[in-house]
Amino acid sequence: MHKPQYRTIATAGMFGVLYVILFQVSDLVLDNVHFGGFASLLFLPAFIRLLGYLMVGPWIIPALFLASYLLVVTGAYDIAPGNDVEHLVSASTAIGGPLGVAVASRLARLQTNLANLTPLRLLALSFACSAGNALFYYASLRLTSLGAEPASSIFAIFAGDMLGMWMIIYLIKLAVDFLPSRLGK
């Protein structure tokens, strides 16, 4: 078995920290605007699930788990800890998105890195990441009896992830397009 390099683990850890920061930014920007009490309308940390998996592979999962767990036990997620609810919800948010990316990249025969990323491939992978998270997160809420919402709530989770992911993608694109022109003058 291939041992991860310390750099990979450190990068995954930084992504975990970024996940928490982007969660707080989402919360600050939207002031807890949620659909059904559990699905954010603009979930910026969803971007970390995708980029983290593309950059460090499966090592993003423990970092996402720890970040989600921290958010649950500190009350940032509107989920009361207890009866292992925090473990299941944290695991579902850590596994769902990366698993969606892994399955989509395997089906489409894409490399899971940034080397062959085109806008269309990025759209496909972000769709898969959002779908994977929506299904896993909703399932964890149903299993813990936290979410008595209808199955249509999966679409709200999916939409919040896609909107958050693409907002970050476009902010990065704007920065990449804007900064070189400003720095070169």
C-alpha atoms as a PDB file:
ATOM      1  CA  MET A   1       0.000   0.000   0.000  1.00  0.00           C
ATOM      2  CA  HIS A   2       1.277   3.457  -0.886  1.00  0.00           C
ATOM      3  CA  LYS A   3       1.988   5.618   2.131  1.00  0.00           C
ATOM      4  CA  PRO A   4       0.862   9.221   1.821  1.00  0.00           C
ATOM      5  CA  GLN A   5       3.495  11.887   1.887  1.00  0.00           C
ATOM      6  CA  TYR A   6       3.432  14.422   4.683  1.00  0.00           C
ATOM      7  CA  ARG A   7       2.762  17.076   2.068  1.00  0.00           C
ATOM      8  CA  THR A   8      -0.440  15.300   1.004  1.00  0.00           C
ATOM      9  CA  ILE A   9      -1.622  15.046   4.600  1.00  0.00           C
ATOM     10  CA  ALA A  10      -0.751  18.704   5.240  1.00  0.00           C
ATOM     11  CA  THR A  11      -2.618  19.750   2.082  1.00  0.00           C
ATOM     12  CA  ALA A  12      -5.647  17.730   3.153  1.00  0.00           C
ATOM     13  CA  GLY A  13      -5.458  19.408   6.573  1.00  0.00           C
ATOM     14  CA  MET A  14      -5.380  22.843   4.950  1.00  0.00           C
ATOM     15  CA  PHE A  15      -8.440  21.905   2.923  1.00  0.00           C
ATOM     16  CA  GLY A  16     -10.167  20.924   6.180  1.00  0.00           C
ATOM     17  CA  VAL A  17      -9.405  24.351   7.616  1.00  0.00           C
ATOM     18  CA  LEU A  18     -10.610  26.011   4.400  1.00  0.00           C
ATOM     19  CA  TYR A  19     -13.838  23.986   4.635  1.00  0.00           C
ATOM     20  CA  VAL A  20     -14.533  25.425   8.096  1.00  0.00           C
ATOM     21  CA  ILE A  21     -13.649  28.959   6.954  1.00  0.00           C
ATOM     22  CA  LEU A  22     -15.878  28.754   3.871  1.00  0.00           C
ATOM     23  CA  PHE A  23     -18.679  27.373   6.051  1.00  0.00           C
ATOM     24  CA  GLN A  24     -18.394  30.424   8.287  1.00  0.00           C
ATOM     25  CA  VAL A  25     -18.320  32.748   5.243  1.00  0.00           C
ATOM     26  CA  SER A  26     -21.457  31.054   3.852  1.00  0.00           C
ATOM     27  CA  ASP A  27     -23.123  31.444   7.213  1.00  0.00           C
ATOM     28  CA  LEU A  28     -22.086  35.097   7.432  1.00  0.00           C
ATOM     29  CA  VAL A  29     -23.201  35.953   3.883  1.00  0.00           C
ATOM     30  CA  LEU A  30     -26.564  34.190   4.049  1.00  0.00           C
ATOM     31  CA  ASP A  31     -27.232  34.590   7.770  1.00  0.00           C
ATOM     32  CA  ASN A  32     -28.476  31.014   8.148  1.00  0.00           C
ATOM     33  CA  VAL A  33     -30.829  31.060   5.158  1.00  0.00           C
ATOM     34  CA  HIS A  34     -31.681  27.401   4.766  1.00  0.00           C
ATOM     35  CA  PHE A  35     -34.173  25.264   2.923  1.00  0.00           C
ATOM     36  CA  GLY A  36     -36.006  22.932   5.242  1.00  0.00           C
ATOM     37  CA  GLY A  37     -33.732  23.807   8.153  1.00  0.00           C
ATOM     38  CA  PHE A  38     -30.758  21.801   6.902  1.00  0.00           C
ATOM     39  CA  ALA A  39     -29.870  22.688   3.299  1.00  0.00           C
ATOM     40  CA  SER A  40     -27.975  25.915   2.710  1.00  0.00           C
ATOM     41  CA  LEU A  41     -29.032  27.862  -0.346  1.00  0.00           C
ATOM     42  CA  LEU A  42     -25.384  28.670  -1.119  1.00  0.00           C
ATOM     43  CA  PHE A  43     -22.930  26.202   0.371  1.00  0.00           C
ATOM     44  CA  LEU A  44     -19.432  27.496  -0.413  1.00  0.00           C
ATOM     45  CA  PRO A  45     -17.525  24.624   1.290  1.00  0.00           C
ATOM     46  CA  ALA A  46     -18.844  22.243  -1.365  1.00  0.00           C
ATOM     47  CA  PHE A  47     -16.000  23.527  -3.523  1.00  0.00           C
ATOM     48  CA  ILE A  48     -13.494  22.035  -1.075  1.00  0.00           C
ATOM     49  CA  ARG A  49     -14.979  18.565  -1.547  1.00  0.00           C
ATOM     50  CA  LEU A  50     -14.318  18.749  -5.275  1.00  0.00           C
ATOM     51  CA  LEU A  51     -10.956  20.525  -5.318  1.00  0.00           C
ATOM     52  CA  GLY A  52      -9.694  18.521  -2.360  1.00  0.00           C
ATOM     53  CA  TYR A  53     -10.482  15.231  -4.071  1.00  0.00           C
ATOM     54  CA  LEU A  54      -8.889  16.398  -7.311  1.00  0.00           C
ATOM     55  CA  MET A  55      -5.714  17.455  -5.507  1.00  0.00           C
ATOM     56  CA  VAL A  56      -5.193  14.891  -2.731  1.00  0.00           C
ATOM     57  CA  GLY A  57      -7.546  12.066  -3.671  1.00  0.00           C
ATOM     58  CA  PRO A  58      -9.153   9.999  -0.935  1.00  0.00           C
ATOM     59  CA  TRP A  59      -7.040  11.726   1.734  1.00  0.00           C
ATOM     60  CA  ILE A  60      -9.545  14.565   1.601  1.00  0.00           C
ATOM     61  CA  ILE A  61     -12.134  12.335   3.307  1.00  0.00           C
ATOM     62  CA  PRO A  62     -10.549  12.329   6.806  1.00  0.00           C
ATOM     63  CA  ALA A  63      -9.982  16.099   6.562  1.00  0.00           C
ATOM     64  CA  LEU A  64     -13.615  16.662   5.560  1.00  0.00           C
ATOM     65  CA  PHE A  65     -14.797  14.352   8.331  1.00  0.00           C
ATOM     66  CA  LEU A  66     -12.841  16.253  10.985  1.00  0.00           C
ATOM     67  CA  ALA A  67     -13.996  19.628   9.629  1.00  0.00           C
ATOM     68  CA  SER A  68     -17.649  18.527   9.513  1.00  0.00           C
ATOM     69  CA  TYR A  69     -17.402  16.946  12.942  1.00  0.00           C
ATOM     70  CA  LEU A  70     -15.988  20.165  14.367  1.00  0.00           C
ATOM     71  CA  LEU A  71     -18.853  22.134  12.809  1.00  0.00           C
ATOM     72  CA  VAL A  72     -21.459  19.717  14.196  1.00  0.00           C
ATOM     73  CA  VAL A  73     -20.134  19.579  17.765  1.00  0.00           C
ATOM     74  CA  THR A  74     -19.634  23.349  17.946  1.00  0.00           C
ATOM     75  CA  GLY A  75     -23.224  23.927  16.860  1.00  0.00           C
ATOM     76  CA  ALA A  76     -22.414  25.501  13.489  1.00  0.00           C
ATOM     77  CA  TYR A  77     -24.518  22.851  11.782  1.00  0.00           C
ATOM     78  CA  ASP A  78     -28.072  22.991  13.060  1.00  0.00           C
ATOM     79  CA  ILE A  79     -27.781  19.443  14.373  1.00  0.00           C
ATOM     80  CA  ALA A  80     -27.748  18.619  18.051  1.00  0.00           C
ATOM     81  CA  PRO A  81     -24.914  16.204  18.828  1.00  0.00           C
ATOM     82  CA  GLY A  82     -25.722  12.949  20.548  1.00  0.00           C
ATOM     83  CA  ASN A  83     -26.478   9.314  19.835  1.00  0.00           C
ATOM     84  CA  ASP A  84     -23.685   9.266  17.241  1.00  0.00           C
ATOM     85  CA  VAL A  85     -25.644  11.652  15.001  1.00  0.00           C
ATOM     86  CA  GLU A  86     -22.560  13.812  14.604  1.00  0.00           C
ATOM     87  CA  HIS A  87     -20.519  10.831  13.388  1.00  0.00           C
ATOM     88  CA  LEU A  88     -23.034   9.784  10.749  1.00  0.00           C
ATOM     89  CA  VAL A  89     -23.679  13.303   9.456  1.00  0.00           C
ATOM     90  CA  SER A  90     -19.949  14.106   9.413  1.00  0.00           C
ATOM     91  CA  ALA A  91     -19.159  10.854   7.613  1.00  0.00           C
ATOM     92  CA  SER A  92     -21.870  11.429   5.029  1.00  0.00           C
ATOM     93  CA  THR A  93     -20.651  14.927   4.192  1.00  0.00           C
ATOM     94  CA  ALA A  94     -17.065  13.679   4.020  1.00  0.00           C
ATOM     95  CA  ILE A  95     -17.741  10.667   1.796  1.00  0.00           C
ATOM     96  CA  GLY A  96     -20.645  11.630  -0.485  1.00  0.00           C
ATOM     97  CA  GLY A  97     -19.039  14.364  -2.596  1.00  0.00           C
ATOM     98  CA  PRO A  98     -15.665  12.668  -3.136  1.00  0.00           C
ATOM     99  CA  LEU A  99     -17.389   9.365  -3.906  1.00  0.00           C
ATOM    100  CA  GLY A 100     -19.559  11.112  -6.511  1.00  0.00           C
ATOM    101  CA  VAL A 101     -16.413  12.554  -8.131  1.00  0.00           C
ATOM    102  CA  ALA A 102     -14.667   9.161  -8.049  1.00  0.00           C
ATOM    103  CA  VAL A 103     -17.616   7.375  -9.673  1.00  0.00           C
ATOM    104  CA  ALA A 104     -18.116  10.050 -12.335  1.00  0.00           C
ATOM    105  CA  SER A 105     -14.429  10.176 -13.206  1.00  0.00           C
ATOM    106  CA  ARG A 106     -14.305   6.400 -13.513  1.00  0.00           C
ATOM    107  CA  LEU A 107     -17.429   6.267 -15.686  1.00  0.00           C
ATOM    108  CA  ALA A 108     -16.154   9.068 -17.929  1.00  0.00           C
ATOM    109  CA  ARG A 109     -12.560   7.765 -17.816  1.00  0.00           C
ATOM    110  CA  LEU A 110     -11.244  11.053 -16.462  1.00  0.00           C
ATOM    111  CA  GLN A 111      -8.102  11.430 -14.429  1.00  0.00           C
ATOM    112  CA  THR A 112      -8.892  12.683 -10.942  1.00  0.00           C
ATOM    113  CA  ASN A 113      -6.486  15.583 -11.005  1.00  0.00           C
ATOM    114  CA  LEU A 114      -6.337  19.074 -12.422  1.00  0.00           C
ATOM    115  CA  ALA A 115      -4.275  18.177 -15.524  1.00  0.00           C
ATOM    116  CA  ASN A 116      -7.110  17.361 -17.925  1.00  0.00           C
ATOM    117  CA  LEU A 117      -9.766  19.634 -16.513  1.00  0.00           C
ATOM    118  CA  THR A 118     -11.891  21.470 -19.055  1.00  0.00           C
ATOM    119  CA  PRO A 119     -15.003  23.548 -18.292  1.00  0.00           C
ATOM    120  CA  LEU A 120     -17.265  20.682 -19.394  1.00  0.00           C
ATOM    121  CA  ARG A 121     -15.387  18.138 -17.278  1.00  0.00           C
ATOM    122  CA  LEU A 122     -15.450  20.521 -14.336  1.00  0.00           C
ATOM    123  CA  LEU A 123     -19.210  20.857 -14.745  1.00  0.00           C
ATOM    124  CA  ALA A 124     -19.638  17.073 -14.871  1.00  0.00           C
ATOM    125  CA  LEU A 125     -17.457  16.518 -11.798  1.00  0.00           C
ATOM    126  CA  SER A 126     -19.142  19.305  -9.824  1.00  0.00           C
ATOM    127  CA  PHE A 127     -22.529  17.814 -10.732  1.00  0.00           C
ATOM    128  CA  ALA A 128     -21.370  14.397  -9.505  1.00  0.00           C
ATOM    129  CA  CYS A 129     -19.873  15.882  -6.326  1.00  0.00           C
ATOM    130  CA  SER A 130     -23.091  17.739  -5.537  1.00  0.00           C
ATOM    131  CA  ALA A 131     -25.252  14.705  -6.309  1.00  0.00           C
ATOM    132  CA  GLY A 132     -23.098  12.403  -4.185  1.00  0.00           C
ATOM    133  CA  ASN A 133     -23.212  14.769  -1.238  1.00  0.00           C
ATOM    134  CA  ALA A 134     -26.948  15.391  -1.582  1.00  0.00           C
ATOM    135  CA  LEU A 135     -27.742  11.681  -1.552  1.00  0.00           C
ATOM    136  CA  PHE A 136     -25.413  10.826   1.339  1.00  0.00           C
ATOM    137  CA  TYR A 137     -26.312  13.855   3.464  1.00  0.00           C
ATOM    138  CA  TYR A 138     -30.051  13.369   2.968  1.00  0.00           C
ATOM    139  CA  ALA A 139     -29.704   9.643   3.756  1.00  0.00           C
ATOM    140  CA  SER A 140     -27.864  10.439   6.994  1.00  0.00           C
ATOM    141  CA  LEU A 141     -30.590  12.876   8.012  1.00  0.00           C
ATOM    142  CA  ARG A 142     -33.262  10.271   7.309  1.00  0.00           C
ATOM    143  CA  LEU A 143     -31.368   7.559   9.182  1.00  0.00           C
ATOM    144  CA  THR A 144     -31.019   9.768  12.241  1.00  0.00           C
ATOM    145  CA  SER A 145     -34.617  11.011  12.026  1.00  0.00           C
ATOM    146  CA  LEU A 146     -33.330  14.575  11.782  1.00  0.00           C
ATOM    147  CA  GLY A 147     -34.806  15.174   8.362  1.00  0.00           C
ATOM    148  CA  ALA A 148     -38.478  14.480   7.997  1.00  0.00           C
ATOM    149  CA  GLU A 149     -38.415  16.473   4.776  1.00  0.00           C
ATOM    150  CA  PRO A 150     -39.589  14.879   1.536  1.00  0.00           C
ATOM    151  CA  ALA A 151     -37.117  13.309  -0.881  1.00  0.00           C
ATOM    152  CA  SER A 152     -37.425  16.430  -3.012  1.00  0.00           C
ATOM    153  CA  SER A 153     -35.171  18.097  -0.415  1.00  0.00           C
ATOM    154  CA  ILE A 154     -32.295  16.263  -2.094  1.00  0.00           C
ATOM    155  CA  PHE A 155     -32.616  18.819  -4.878  1.00  0.00           C
ATOM    156  CA  ALA A 156     -32.254  21.691  -2.401  1.00  0.00           C
ATOM    157  CA  ILE A 157     -29.055  20.168  -1.020  1.00  0.00           C
ATOM    158  CA  PHE A 158     -27.800  19.577  -4.561  1.00  0.00           C
ATOM    159  CA  ALA A 159     -28.628  23.141  -5.654  1.00  0.00           C
ATOM    160  CA  GLY A 160     -26.936  24.725  -2.626  1.00  0.00           C
ATOM    161  CA  ASP A 161     -23.789  22.704  -3.283  1.00  0.00           C
ATOM    162  CA  MET A 162     -23.741  23.508  -7.015  1.00  0.00           C
ATOM    163  CA  LEU A 163     -24.345  27.219  -6.437  1.00  0.00           C
ATOM    164  CA  GLY A 164     -21.670  27.400  -3.752  1.00  0.00           C
ATOM    165  CA  MET A 165     -19.180  25.436  -5.811  1.00  0.00           C
ATOM    166  CA  TRP A 166     -19.678  27.530  -8.928  1.00  0.00           C
ATOM    167  CA  MET A 167     -19.579  30.797  -7.022  1.00  0.00           C
ATOM    168  CA  ILE A 168     -16.101  29.897  -5.756  1.00  0.00           C
ATOM    169  CA  ILE A 169     -15.047  28.679  -9.223  1.00  0.00           C
ATOM    170  CA  TYR A 170     -16.089  31.967 -10.783  1.00  0.00           C
ATOM    171  CA  LEU A 171     -14.456  34.020  -8.039  1.00  0.00           C
ATOM    172  CA  ILE A 172     -11.208  32.166  -8.728  1.00  0.00           C
ATOM    173  CA  LYS A 173     -11.639  32.703 -12.466  1.00  0.00           C
ATOM    174  CA  LEU A 174     -12.222  36.419 -11.942  1.00  0.00           C
ATOM    175  CA  ALA A 175      -9.141  36.652  -9.747  1.00  0.00           C
ATOM    176  CA  VAL A 176      -7.023  34.767 -12.300  1.00  0.00           C
ATOM    177  CA  ASP A 177      -8.284  36.997 -15.118  1.00  0.00           C
ATOM    178  CA  PHE A 178      -8.106  40.246 -13.147  1.00  0.00           C
ATOM    179  CA  LEU A 179      -4.884  39.962 -11.144  1.00  0.00           C
ATOM    180  CA  PRO A 180      -2.367  39.454 -13.971  1.00  0.00           C
ATOM    181  CA  SER A 181      -3.678  42.501 -15.793  1.00  0.00           C
ATOM    182  CA  ARG A 182      -3.391  44.587 -12.607  1.00  0.00           C
ATOM    183  CA  LEU A 183       0.004  43.268 -11.574  1.00  0.00           C
ATOM    184  CA  GLY A 184       1.502  43.778 -15.035  1.00  0.00           C
ATOM    185  CA  LYS A 185       0.690  47.503 -15.151  1.00  0.00           C
END
